[in-house]
mmCIF file of all heavy atoms, coordinates in Angstrom:
data_MODEL
# 
_entry.id   MODEL 
# 
loop_
_atom_site.group_PDB 
_atom_site.id 
_atom_site.type_symbol 
_atom_site.label_atom_id 
_atom_site.label_alt_id 
_atom_site.label_comp_id 
_atom_site.label_asym_id 
_atom_site.label_entity_id 
_atom_site.label_seq_id 
_atom_site.pdbx_PDB_ins_code 
_atom_site.Cartn_x 
_atom_site.Cartn_y 
_atom_site.Cartn_z 
_atom_site.occupancy 
_atom_site.B_iso_or_equiv 
_atom_site.pdbx_formal_charge 
_atom_site.auth_seq_id 
_atom_site.auth_comp_id 
_atom_site.auth_asym_id 
_atom_site.auth_atom_id 
_atom_site.pdbx_PDB_model_num 
ATOM 1   N N   . ASP A 1 1  ? -2.697  6.228   -3.274  1.00 0.00 ? 1  ASP A N   1 
ATOM 2   C CA  . ASP A 1 1  ? -1.922  6.094   -2.031  1.00 0.00 ? 1  ASP A CA  1 
ATOM 3   C C   . ASP A 1 1  ? -2.104  4.719   -1.424  1.00 0.00 ? 1  ASP A C   1 
ATOM 4   O O   . ASP A 1 1  ? -2.409  4.616   -0.215  1.00 0.00 ? 1  ASP A O   1 
ATOM 5   C CB  . ASP A 1 1  ? -2.287  7.221   -1.057  1.00 0.00 ? 1  ASP A CB  1 
ATOM 6   C CG  . ASP A 1 1  ? -1.266  7.377   0.034   1.00 0.00 ? 1  ASP A CG  1 
ATOM 7   O OD1 . ASP A 1 1  ? -0.129  6.978   -0.168  1.00 0.00 ? 1  ASP A OD1 1 
ATOM 8   O OD2 . ASP A 1 1  ? -1.648  7.893   1.124   1.00 0.00 ? 1  ASP A OD2 1 
ATOM 9   N N   . CYS A 1 2  ? -1.949  3.676   -2.189  1.00 0.00 ? 2  CYS A N   1 
ATOM 10  C CA  . CYS A 1 2  ? -2.191  2.304   -1.711  1.00 0.00 ? 2  CYS A CA  1 
ATOM 11  C C   . CYS A 1 2  ? -1.042  1.797   -0.832  1.00 0.00 ? 2  CYS A C   1 
ATOM 12  O O   . CYS A 1 2  ? 0.132   1.962   -1.173  1.00 0.00 ? 2  CYS A O   1 
ATOM 13  C CB  . CYS A 1 2  ? -2.378  1.357   -2.886  1.00 0.00 ? 2  CYS A CB  1 
ATOM 14  S SG  . CYS A 1 2  ? -3.855  1.722   -3.850  1.00 0.00 ? 2  CYS A SG  1 
ATOM 15  N N   . GLU A 1 3  ? -1.395  1.193   0.270   1.00 0.00 ? 3  GLU A N   1 
ATOM 16  C CA  . GLU A 1 3  ? -0.470  0.502   1.154   1.00 0.00 ? 3  GLU A CA  1 
ATOM 17  C C   . GLU A 1 3  ? -0.753  -0.976  0.999   1.00 0.00 ? 3  GLU A C   1 
ATOM 18  O O   . GLU A 1 3  ? -1.887  -1.427  1.221   1.00 0.00 ? 3  GLU A O   1 
ATOM 19  C CB  . GLU A 1 3  ? -0.642  0.931   2.591   1.00 0.00 ? 3  GLU A CB  1 
ATOM 20  C CG  . GLU A 1 3  ? -0.307  2.361   2.862   1.00 0.00 ? 3  GLU A CG  1 
ATOM 21  C CD  . GLU A 1 3  ? -0.565  2.739   4.330   1.00 0.00 ? 3  GLU A CD  1 
ATOM 22  O OE1 . GLU A 1 3  ? -0.826  1.867   5.156   1.00 0.00 ? 3  GLU A OE1 1 
ATOM 23  O OE2 . GLU A 1 3  ? -0.531  3.930   4.603   1.00 0.00 ? 3  GLU A OE2 1 
ATOM 24  N N   . ILE A 1 4  ? 0.262   -1.767  0.693   1.00 0.00 ? 4  ILE A N   1 
ATOM 25  C CA  . ILE A 1 4  ? 0.088   -3.202  0.480   1.00 0.00 ? 4  ILE A CA  1 
ATOM 26  C C   . ILE A 1 4  ? 0.791   -3.969  1.562   1.00 0.00 ? 4  ILE A C   1 
ATOM 27  O O   . ILE A 1 4  ? 2.001   -3.828  1.744   1.00 0.00 ? 4  ILE A O   1 
ATOM 28  C CB  . ILE A 1 4  ? 0.644   -3.597  -0.919  1.00 0.00 ? 4  ILE A CB  1 
ATOM 29  C CG1 . ILE A 1 4  ? -0.062  -2.830  -2.031  1.00 0.00 ? 4  ILE A CG1 1 
ATOM 30  C CG2 . ILE A 1 4  ? 0.526   -5.117  -1.126  1.00 0.00 ? 4  ILE A CG2 1 
ATOM 31  C CD1 . ILE A 1 4  ? 0.518   -3.046  -3.415  1.00 0.00 ? 4  ILE A CD1 1 
ATOM 32  N N   . LEU A 1 5  ? 0.011   -4.753  2.281   1.00 0.00 ? 5  LEU A N   1 
ATOM 33  C CA  . LEU A 1 5  ? 0.553   -5.650  3.298   1.00 0.00 ? 5  LEU A CA  1 
ATOM 34  C C   . LEU A 1 5  ? 0.153   -7.066  2.889   1.00 0.00 ? 5  LEU A C   1 
ATOM 35  O O   . LEU A 1 5  ? -1.009  -7.310  2.538   1.00 0.00 ? 5  LEU A O   1 
ATOM 36  C CB  . LEU A 1 5  ? -0.057  -5.360  4.666   1.00 0.00 ? 5  LEU A CB  1 
ATOM 37  C CG  . LEU A 1 5  ? 0.112   -3.916  5.166   1.00 0.00 ? 5  LEU A CG  1 
ATOM 38  C CD1 . LEU A 1 5  ? -0.747  -3.695  6.405   1.00 0.00 ? 5  LEU A CD1 1 
ATOM 39  C CD2 . LEU A 1 5  ? 1.547   -3.627  5.460   1.00 0.00 ? 5  LEU A CD2 1 
ATOM 40  N N   . TYR A 1 6  ? 1.078   -8.024  2.961   1.00 0.00 ? 6  TYR A N   1 
ATOM 41  C CA  . TYR A 1 6  ? 0.738   -9.359  2.492   1.00 0.00 ? 6  TYR A CA  1 
ATOM 42  C C   . TYR A 1 6  ? 1.563   -10.426 3.162   1.00 0.00 ? 6  TYR A C   1 
ATOM 43  O O   . TYR A 1 6  ? 2.639   -10.197 3.696   1.00 0.00 ? 6  TYR A O   1 
ATOM 44  C CB  . TYR A 1 6  ? 0.911   -9.450  0.975   1.00 0.00 ? 6  TYR A CB  1 
ATOM 45  C CG  . TYR A 1 6  ? 2.347   -9.223  0.482   1.00 0.00 ? 6  TYR A CG  1 
ATOM 46  C CD1 . TYR A 1 6  ? 3.194   -10.317 0.317   1.00 0.00 ? 6  TYR A CD1 1 
ATOM 47  C CD2 . TYR A 1 6  ? 2.817   -7.960  0.250   1.00 0.00 ? 6  TYR A CD2 1 
ATOM 48  C CE1 . TYR A 1 6  ? 4.496   -10.123 -0.125  1.00 0.00 ? 6  TYR A CE1 1 
ATOM 49  C CE2 . TYR A 1 6  ? 4.131   -7.771  -0.184  1.00 0.00 ? 6  TYR A CE2 1 
ATOM 50  C CZ  . TYR A 1 6  ? 4.959   -8.857  -0.365  1.00 0.00 ? 6  TYR A CZ  1 
ATOM 51  O OH  . TYR A 1 6  ? 6.241   -8.670  -0.770  1.00 0.00 ? 6  TYR A OH  1 
ATOM 52  N N   . THR A 1 7  ? 0.979   -11.635 3.099   1.00 0.00 ? 7  THR A N   1 
ATOM 53  C CA  . THR A 1 7  ? 1.692   -12.890 3.418   1.00 0.00 ? 7  THR A CA  1 
ATOM 54  C C   . THR A 1 7  ? 1.731   -13.666 2.108   1.00 0.00 ? 7  THR A C   1 
ATOM 55  O O   . THR A 1 7  ? 1.396   -13.141 1.074   1.00 0.00 ? 7  THR A O   1 
ATOM 56  C CB  . THR A 1 7  ? 0.944   -13.662 4.511   1.00 0.00 ? 7  THR A CB  1 
ATOM 57  O OG1 . THR A 1 7  ? -0.303  -14.091 3.996   1.00 0.00 ? 7  THR A OG1 1 
ATOM 58  C CG2 . THR A 1 7  ? 0.747   -12.828 5.780   1.00 0.00 ? 7  THR A CG2 1 
ATOM 59  N N   . ASP A 1 8  ? 2.073   -14.955 2.203   1.00 0.00 ? 8  ASP A N   1 
ATOM 60  C CA  . ASP A 1 8  ? 2.065   -15.745 0.971   1.00 0.00 ? 8  ASP A CA  1 
ATOM 61  C C   . ASP A 1 8  ? 0.673   -16.097 0.484   1.00 0.00 ? 8  ASP A C   1 
ATOM 62  O O   . ASP A 1 8  ? 0.482   -16.482 -0.657  1.00 0.00 ? 8  ASP A O   1 
ATOM 63  C CB  . ASP A 1 8  ? 2.868   -17.045 1.167   1.00 0.00 ? 8  ASP A CB  1 
ATOM 64  C CG  . ASP A 1 8  ? 4.359   -16.786 1.082   1.00 0.00 ? 8  ASP A CG  1 
ATOM 65  O OD1 . ASP A 1 8  ? 4.777   -15.916 0.314   1.00 0.00 ? 8  ASP A OD1 1 
ATOM 66  O OD2 . ASP A 1 8  ? 5.108   -17.442 1.830   1.00 0.00 ? 8  ASP A OD2 1 
ATOM 67  N N   . LYS A 1 9  ? -0.353  -15.942 1.346   1.00 0.00 ? 9  LYS A N   1 
ATOM 68  C CA  . LYS A 1 9  ? -1.713  -16.360 0.974   1.00 0.00 ? 9  LYS A CA  1 
ATOM 69  C C   . LYS A 1 9  ? -2.754  -15.266 1.023   1.00 0.00 ? 9  LYS A C   1 
ATOM 70  O O   . LYS A 1 9  ? -3.865  -15.419 0.537   1.00 0.00 ? 9  LYS A O   1 
ATOM 71  C CB  . LYS A 1 9  ? -2.187  -17.531 1.862   1.00 0.00 ? 9  LYS A CB  1 
ATOM 72  C CG  . LYS A 1 9  ? -1.324  -18.761 1.743   1.00 0.00 ? 9  LYS A CG  1 
ATOM 73  C CD  . LYS A 1 9  ? -1.505  -19.387 0.404   1.00 0.00 ? 9  LYS A CD  1 
ATOM 74  C CE  . LYS A 1 9  ? -0.643  -20.618 0.240   1.00 0.00 ? 9  LYS A CE  1 
ATOM 75  N NZ  . LYS A 1 9  ? -0.561  -21.086 -1.117  1.00 0.00 ? 9  LYS A NZ  1 
ATOM 76  N N   . LYS A 1 10 ? -2.465  -14.133 1.688   1.00 0.00 ? 10 LYS A N   1 
ATOM 77  C CA  . LYS A 1 10 ? -3.479  -13.119 1.891   1.00 0.00 ? 10 LYS A CA  1 
ATOM 78  C C   . LYS A 1 10 ? -2.806  -11.747 1.807   1.00 0.00 ? 10 LYS A C   1 
ATOM 79  O O   . LYS A 1 10 ? -1.682  -11.563 2.238   1.00 0.00 ? 10 LYS A O   1 
ATOM 80  C CB  . LYS A 1 10 ? -4.116  -13.304 3.261   1.00 0.00 ? 10 LYS A CB  1 
ATOM 81  C CG  . LYS A 1 10 ? -5.313  -12.435 3.518   1.00 0.00 ? 10 LYS A CG  1 
ATOM 82  C CD  . LYS A 1 10 ? -5.959  -12.805 4.833   1.00 0.00 ? 10 LYS A CD  1 
ATOM 83  C CE  . LYS A 1 10 ? -7.198  -11.983 5.091   1.00 0.00 ? 10 LYS A CE  1 
ATOM 84  N NZ  . LYS A 1 10 ? -7.778  -12.299 6.375   1.00 0.00 ? 10 LYS A NZ  1 
ATOM 85  N N   . ALA A 1 11 ? -3.554  -10.776 1.251   1.00 0.00 ? 11 ALA A N   1 
ATOM 86  C CA  . ALA A 1 11 ? -3.084  -9.405  1.155   1.00 0.00 ? 11 ALA A CA  1 
ATOM 87  C C   . ALA A 1 11 ? -4.140  -8.432  1.567   1.00 0.00 ? 11 ALA A C   1 
ATOM 88  O O   . ALA A 1 11 ? -5.327  -8.606  1.259   1.00 0.00 ? 11 ALA A O   1 
ATOM 89  C CB  . ALA A 1 11 ? -2.622  -9.127  -0.270  1.00 0.00 ? 11 ALA A CB  1 
ATOM 90  N N   . ARG A 1 12 ? -3.742  -7.411  2.247   1.00 0.00 ? 12 ARG A N   1 
ATOM 91  C CA  . ARG A 1 12 ? -4.621  -6.296  2.612   1.00 0.00 ? 12 ARG A CA  1 
ATOM 92  C C   . ARG A 1 12 ? -4.059  -5.044  1.922   1.00 0.00 ? 12 ARG A C   1 
ATOM 93  O O   . ARG A 1 12 ? -2.897  -4.728  2.114   1.00 0.00 ? 12 ARG A O   1 
ATOM 94  C CB  . ARG A 1 12 ? -4.650  -6.102  4.112   1.00 0.00 ? 12 ARG A CB  1 
ATOM 95  C CG  . ARG A 1 12 ? -5.430  -4.845  4.500   1.00 0.00 ? 12 ARG A CG  1 
ATOM 96  C CD  . ARG A 1 12 ? -5.389  -4.571  5.961   1.00 0.00 ? 12 ARG A CD  1 
ATOM 97  N NE  . ARG A 1 12 ? -5.868  -3.241  6.227   1.00 0.00 ? 12 ARG A NE  1 
ATOM 98  C CZ  . ARG A 1 12 ? -6.398  -2.864  7.345   1.00 0.00 ? 12 ARG A CZ  1 
ATOM 99  N NH1 . ARG A 1 12 ? -6.551  -3.716  8.324   1.00 0.00 ? 12 ARG A NH1 1 
ATOM 100 N NH2 . ARG A 1 12 ? -6.814  -1.626  7.504   1.00 0.00 ? 12 ARG A NH2 1 
ATOM 101 N N   . ILE A 1 13 ? -4.889  -4.402  1.133   1.00 0.00 ? 13 ILE A N   1 
ATOM 102 C CA  . ILE A 1 13 ? -4.472  -3.198  0.405   1.00 0.00 ? 13 ILE A CA  1 
ATOM 103 C C   . ILE A 1 13 ? -5.399  -2.062  0.771   1.00 0.00 ? 13 ILE A C   1 
ATOM 104 O O   . ILE A 1 13 ? -6.592  -2.095  0.508   1.00 0.00 ? 13 ILE A O   1 
ATOM 105 C CB  . ILE A 1 13 ? -4.476  -3.465  -1.110  1.00 0.00 ? 13 ILE A CB  1 
ATOM 106 C CG1 . ILE A 1 13 ? -3.577  -4.688  -1.426  1.00 0.00 ? 13 ILE A CG1 1 
ATOM 107 C CG2 . ILE A 1 13 ? -4.001  -2.214  -1.863  1.00 0.00 ? 13 ILE A CG2 1 
ATOM 108 C CD1 . ILE A 1 13 ? -3.629  -5.123  -2.854  1.00 0.00 ? 13 ILE A CD1 1 
ATOM 109 N N   . ASP A 1 14 ? -4.832  -1.065  1.449   1.00 0.00 ? 14 ASP A N   1 
ATOM 110 C CA  . ASP A 1 14 ? -5.566  0.111   1.865   1.00 0.00 ? 14 ASP A CA  1 
ATOM 111 C C   . ASP A 1 14 ? -5.303  1.220   0.846   1.00 0.00 ? 14 ASP A C   1 
ATOM 112 O O   . ASP A 1 14 ? -4.158  1.548   0.572   1.00 0.00 ? 14 ASP A O   1 
ATOM 113 C CB  . ASP A 1 14 ? -5.104  0.589   3.256   1.00 0.00 ? 14 ASP A CB  1 
ATOM 114 C CG  . ASP A 1 14 ? -5.435  -0.377  4.375   1.00 0.00 ? 14 ASP A CG  1 
ATOM 115 O OD1 . ASP A 1 14 ? -6.471  -1.076  4.254   1.00 0.00 ? 14 ASP A OD1 1 
ATOM 116 O OD2 . ASP A 1 14 ? -4.688  -0.441  5.362   1.00 0.00 ? 14 ASP A OD2 1 
ATOM 117 N N   . CYS A 1 15 ? -6.386  1.777   0.303   1.00 0.00 ? 15 CYS A N   1 
ATOM 118 C CA  . CYS A 1 15 ? -6.293  2.812   -0.728  1.00 0.00 ? 15 CYS A CA  1 
ATOM 119 C C   . CYS A 1 15 ? -7.327  3.895   -0.423  1.00 0.00 ? 15 CYS A C   1 
ATOM 120 O O   . CYS A 1 15 ? -8.104  3.791   0.516   1.00 0.00 ? 15 CYS A O   1 
ATOM 121 C CB  . CYS A 1 15 ? -6.600  2.266   -2.107  1.00 0.00 ? 15 CYS A CB  1 
ATOM 122 S SG  . CYS A 1 15 ? -5.541  0.932   -2.679  1.00 0.00 ? 15 CYS A SG  1 
ATOM 123 N N   . TRP A 1 16 ? -7.308  4.901   -1.271  1.00 0.00 ? 16 TRP A N   1 
ATOM 124 C CA  . TRP A 1 16 ? -8.312  5.950   -1.259  1.00 0.00 ? 16 TRP A CA  1 
ATOM 125 C C   . TRP A 1 16 ? -9.027  5.942   -2.596  1.00 0.00 ? 16 TRP A C   1 
ATOM 126 O O   . TRP A 1 16 ? -8.399  5.782   -3.641  1.00 0.00 ? 16 TRP A O   1 
ATOM 127 C CB  . TRP A 1 16 ? -7.657  7.322   -1.023  1.00 0.00 ? 16 TRP A CB  1 
ATOM 128 C CG  . TRP A 1 16 ? -6.963  7.438   0.267   1.00 0.00 ? 16 TRP A CG  1 
ATOM 129 C CD1 . TRP A 1 16 ? -5.648  7.266   0.492   1.00 0.00 ? 16 TRP A CD1 1 
ATOM 130 C CD2 . TRP A 1 16 ? -7.559  7.753   1.543   1.00 0.00 ? 16 TRP A CD2 1 
ATOM 131 N NE1 . TRP A 1 16 ? -5.366  7.432   1.816   1.00 0.00 ? 16 TRP A NE1 1 
ATOM 132 C CE2 . TRP A 1 16 ? -6.505  7.728   2.489   1.00 0.00 ? 16 TRP A CE2 1 
ATOM 133 C CE3 . TRP A 1 16 ? -8.851  8.022   1.957   1.00 0.00 ? 16 TRP A CE3 1 
ATOM 134 C CZ2 . TRP A 1 16 ? -6.726  7.986   3.823   1.00 0.00 ? 16 TRP A CZ2 1 
ATOM 135 C CZ3 . TRP A 1 16 ? -9.049  8.292   3.297   1.00 0.00 ? 16 TRP A CZ3 1 
ATOM 136 C CH2 . TRP A 1 16 ? -8.014  8.263   4.237   1.00 0.00 ? 16 TRP A CH2 1 
ATOM 137 N N   . ILE A 1 17 ? -10.363 6.091   -2.556  1.00 0.00 ? 17 ILE A N   1 
ATOM 138 C CA  . ILE A 1 17 ? -11.122 6.239   -3.782  1.00 0.00 ? 17 ILE A CA  1 
ATOM 139 C C   . ILE A 1 17 ? -11.059 7.738   -4.132  1.00 0.00 ? 17 ILE A C   1 
ATOM 140 O O   . ILE A 1 17 ? -11.516 8.582   -3.361  1.00 0.00 ? 17 ILE A O   1 
ATOM 141 C CB  . ILE A 1 17 ? -12.578 5.819   -3.580  1.00 0.00 ? 17 ILE A CB  1 
ATOM 142 C CG1 . ILE A 1 17 ? -12.628 4.345   -3.191  1.00 0.00 ? 17 ILE A CG1 1 
ATOM 143 C CG2 . ILE A 1 17 ? -13.413 6.112   -4.815  1.00 0.00 ? 17 ILE A CG2 1 
ATOM 144 C CD1 . ILE A 1 17 ? -14.012 3.869   -2.750  1.00 0.00 ? 17 ILE A CD1 1 
ATOM 145 N N   . MET A 1 18 ? -10.400 8.042   -5.247  1.00 0.00 ? 18 MET A N   1 
ATOM 146 C CA  . MET A 1 18 ? -10.133 9.436   -5.572  1.00 0.00 ? 18 MET A CA  1 
ATOM 147 C C   . MET A 1 18 ? -10.795 9.872   -6.870  1.00 0.00 ? 18 MET A C   1 
ATOM 148 O O   . MET A 1 18 ? -10.862 9.121   -7.838  1.00 0.00 ? 18 MET A O   1 
ATOM 149 C CB  . MET A 1 18 ? -8.633  9.683   -5.705  1.00 0.00 ? 18 MET A CB  1 
ATOM 150 C CG  . MET A 1 18 ? -7.886  9.509   -4.421  1.00 0.00 ? 18 MET A CG  1 
ATOM 151 S SD  . MET A 1 18 ? -6.149  9.911   -4.664  1.00 0.00 ? 18 MET A SD  1 
ATOM 152 C CE  . MET A 1 18 ? -5.574  9.822   -2.995  1.00 0.00 ? 18 MET A CE  1 
ATOM 153 N N   . ASP A 1 19 ? -11.261 11.113  -6.868  1.00 0.00 ? 19 ASP A N   1 
ATOM 154 C CA  . ASP A 1 19 ? -11.751 11.751  -8.071  1.00 0.00 ? 19 ASP A CA  1 
ATOM 155 C C   . ASP A 1 19 ? -10.711 12.782  -8.500  1.00 0.00 ? 19 ASP A C   1 
ATOM 156 O O   . ASP A 1 19 ? -9.526  12.699  -8.071  1.00 0.00 ? 19 ASP A O   1 
ATOM 157 C CB  . ASP A 1 19 ? -13.127 12.386  -7.845  1.00 0.00 ? 19 ASP A CB  1 
ATOM 158 C CG  . ASP A 1 19 ? -13.123 13.461  -6.768  1.00 0.00 ? 19 ASP A CG  1 
ATOM 159 O OD1 . ASP A 1 19 ? -12.035 13.819  -6.241  1.00 0.00 ? 19 ASP A OD1 1 
ATOM 160 O OD2 . ASP A 1 19 ? -14.220 13.968  -6.430  1.00 0.00 ? 19 ASP A OD2 1 
ATOM 161 N N   . SER A 1 20 ? -11.059 13.752  -9.324  1.00 0.00 ? 20 SER A N   1 
ATOM 162 C CA  . SER A 1 20 ? -10.077 14.708  -9.827  1.00 0.00 ? 20 SER A CA  1 
ATOM 163 C C   . SER A 1 20 ? -9.493  15.609  -8.755  1.00 0.00 ? 20 SER A C   1 
ATOM 164 O O   . SER A 1 20 ? -8.432  16.183  -8.945  1.00 0.00 ? 20 SER A O   1 
ATOM 165 C CB  . SER A 1 20 ? -10.701 15.565  -10.930 1.00 0.00 ? 20 SER A CB  1 
ATOM 166 O OG  . SER A 1 20 ? -11.799 16.236  -10.420 1.00 0.00 ? 20 SER A OG  1 
ATOM 167 N N   . THR A 1 21 ? -10.169 15.728  -7.621  1.00 0.00 ? 21 THR A N   1 
ATOM 168 C CA  . THR A 1 21 ? -9.632  16.560  -6.528  1.00 0.00 ? 21 THR A CA  1 
ATOM 169 C C   . THR A 1 21 ? -8.582  15.851  -5.715  1.00 0.00 ? 21 THR A C   1 
ATOM 170 O O   . THR A 1 21 ? -7.847  16.451  -4.934  1.00 0.00 ? 21 THR A O   1 
ATOM 171 C CB  . THR A 1 21 ? -10.754 16.997  -5.554  1.00 0.00 ? 21 THR A CB  1 
ATOM 172 O OG1 . THR A 1 21 ? -11.264 15.837  -4.916  1.00 0.00 ? 21 THR A OG1 1 
ATOM 173 C CG2 . THR A 1 21 ? -11.866 17.737  -6.311  1.00 0.00 ? 21 THR A CG2 1 
ATOM 174 N N   . HIS A 1 22 ? -8.504  14.529  -5.830  1.00 0.00 ? 22 HIS A N   1 
ATOM 175 C CA  . HIS A 1 22 ? -7.548  13.680  -5.106  1.00 0.00 ? 22 HIS A CA  1 
ATOM 176 C C   . HIS A 1 22 ? -7.716  13.822  -3.603  1.00 0.00 ? 22 HIS A C   1 
ATOM 177 O O   . HIS A 1 22 ? -6.734  13.650  -2.840  1.00 0.00 ? 22 HIS A O   1 
ATOM 178 C CB  . HIS A 1 22 ? -6.109  13.934  -5.545  1.00 0.00 ? 22 HIS A CB  1 
ATOM 179 C CG  . HIS A 1 22 ? -5.855  13.407  -6.914  1.00 0.00 ? 22 HIS A CG  1 
ATOM 180 N ND1 . HIS A 1 22 ? -5.080  12.312  -7.158  1.00 0.00 ? 22 HIS A ND1 1 
ATOM 181 C CD2 . HIS A 1 22 ? -6.273  13.831  -8.109  1.00 0.00 ? 22 HIS A CD2 1 
ATOM 182 C CE1 . HIS A 1 22 ? -5.036  12.093  -8.464  1.00 0.00 ? 22 HIS A CE1 1 
ATOM 183 N NE2 . HIS A 1 22 ? -5.747  12.993  -9.061  1.00 0.00 ? 22 HIS A NE2 1 
ATOM 184 N N   . ALA A 1 23 ? -8.899  14.132  -3.144  1.00 0.00 ? 23 ALA A N   1 
ATOM 185 C CA  . ALA A 1 23 ? -9.204  14.213  -1.719  1.00 0.00 ? 23 ALA A CA  1 
ATOM 186 C C   . ALA A 1 23 ? -9.117  12.821  -1.124  1.00 0.00 ? 23 ALA A C   1 
ATOM 187 O O   . ALA A 1 23 ? -9.548  11.832  -1.727  1.00 0.00 ? 23 ALA A O   1 
ATOM 188 C CB  . ALA A 1 23 ? -10.589 14.783  -1.507  1.00 0.00 ? 23 ALA A CB  1 
ATOM 189 N N   . GLN A 1 24 ? -8.558  12.751  0.074   1.00 0.00 ? 24 GLN A N   1 
ATOM 190 C CA  . GLN A 1 24 ? -8.439  11.465  0.741   1.00 0.00 ? 24 GLN A CA  1 
ATOM 191 C C   . GLN A 1 24 ? -9.519  11.359  1.826   1.00 0.00 ? 24 GLN A C   1 
ATOM 192 O O   . GLN A 1 24 ? -9.242  11.382  3.019   1.00 0.00 ? 24 GLN A O   1 
ATOM 193 C CB  . GLN A 1 24 ? -7.035  11.297  1.351   1.00 0.00 ? 24 GLN A CB  1 
ATOM 194 C CG  . GLN A 1 24 ? -5.978  11.189  0.281   1.00 0.00 ? 24 GLN A CG  1 
ATOM 195 C CD  . GLN A 1 24 ? -4.598  10.899  0.870   1.00 0.00 ? 24 GLN A CD  1 
ATOM 196 O OE1 . GLN A 1 24 ? -4.352  11.043  2.031   1.00 0.00 ? 24 GLN A OE1 1 
ATOM 197 N NE2 . GLN A 1 24 ? -3.697  10.495  0.018   1.00 0.00 ? 24 GLN A NE2 1 
ATOM 198 N N   . ASP A 1 25 ? -10.747 11.239  1.369   1.00 0.00 ? 25 ASP A N   1 
ATOM 199 C CA  . ASP A 1 25 ? -11.859 11.163  2.334   1.00 0.00 ? 25 ASP A CA  1 
ATOM 200 C C   . ASP A 1 25 ? -12.718 9.923   2.138   1.00 0.00 ? 25 ASP A C   1 
ATOM 201 O O   . ASP A 1 25 ? -13.709 9.725   2.816   1.00 0.00 ? 25 ASP A O   1 
ATOM 202 C CB  . ASP A 1 25 ? -12.725 12.451  2.227   1.00 0.00 ? 25 ASP A CB  1 
ATOM 203 C CG  . ASP A 1 25 ? -13.310 12.668  0.837   1.00 0.00 ? 25 ASP A CG  1 
ATOM 204 O OD1 . ASP A 1 25 ? -12.934 11.913  -0.115  1.00 0.00 ? 25 ASP A OD1 1 
ATOM 205 O OD2 . ASP A 1 25 ? -14.130 13.594  0.692   1.00 0.00 ? 25 ASP A OD2 1 
ATOM 206 N N   . ARG A 1 26 ? -12.340 9.047   1.165   1.00 0.00 ? 26 ARG A N   1 
ATOM 207 C CA  . ARG A 1 26 ? -13.095 7.813   0.931   1.00 0.00 ? 26 ARG A CA  1 
ATOM 208 C C   . ARG A 1 26 ? -12.136 6.629   0.974   1.00 0.00 ? 26 ARG A C   1 
ATOM 209 O O   . ARG A 1 26 ? -11.689 6.133   -0.068  1.00 0.00 ? 26 ARG A O   1 
ATOM 210 C CB  . ARG A 1 26 ? -13.826 7.896   -0.409  1.00 0.00 ? 26 ARG A CB  1 
ATOM 211 C CG  . ARG A 1 26 ? -14.844 9.021   -0.418  1.00 0.00 ? 26 ARG A CG  1 
ATOM 212 C CD  . ARG A 1 26 ? -15.924 8.916   -1.456  1.00 0.00 ? 26 ARG A CD  1 
ATOM 213 N NE  . ARG A 1 26 ? -16.570 7.657   -1.413  1.00 0.00 ? 26 ARG A NE  1 
ATOM 214 C CZ  . ARG A 1 26 ? -16.946 6.971   -2.508  1.00 0.00 ? 26 ARG A CZ  1 
ATOM 215 N NH1 . ARG A 1 26 ? -16.678 7.417   -3.672  1.00 0.00 ? 26 ARG A NH1 1 
ATOM 216 N NH2 . ARG A 1 26 ? -17.595 5.825   -2.412  1.00 0.00 ? 26 ARG A NH2 1 
ATOM 217 N N   . PRO A 1 27 ? -11.826 6.132   2.190   1.00 0.00 ? 27 PRO A N   1 
ATOM 218 C CA  . PRO A 1 27 ? -10.891 4.984   2.270   1.00 0.00 ? 27 PRO A CA  1 
ATOM 219 C C   . PRO A 1 27 ? -11.535 3.660   1.908   1.00 0.00 ? 27 PRO A C   1 
ATOM 220 O O   . PRO A 1 27 ? -12.736 3.462   2.148   1.00 0.00 ? 27 PRO A O   1 
ATOM 221 C CB  . PRO A 1 27 ? -10.483 4.998   3.747   1.00 0.00 ? 27 PRO A CB  1 
ATOM 222 C CG  . PRO A 1 27 ? -11.673 5.580   4.436   1.00 0.00 ? 27 PRO A CG  1 
ATOM 223 C CD  . PRO A 1 27 ? -12.264 6.582   3.473   1.00 0.00 ? 27 PRO A CD  1 
# 
């Protein structure tokens, strides 16, 4: 579930670290 925000020189990518349960508890 990555969200990618960027300019021409910098990017911020917010994701979740997921295991087989796909729980979204480790951003």
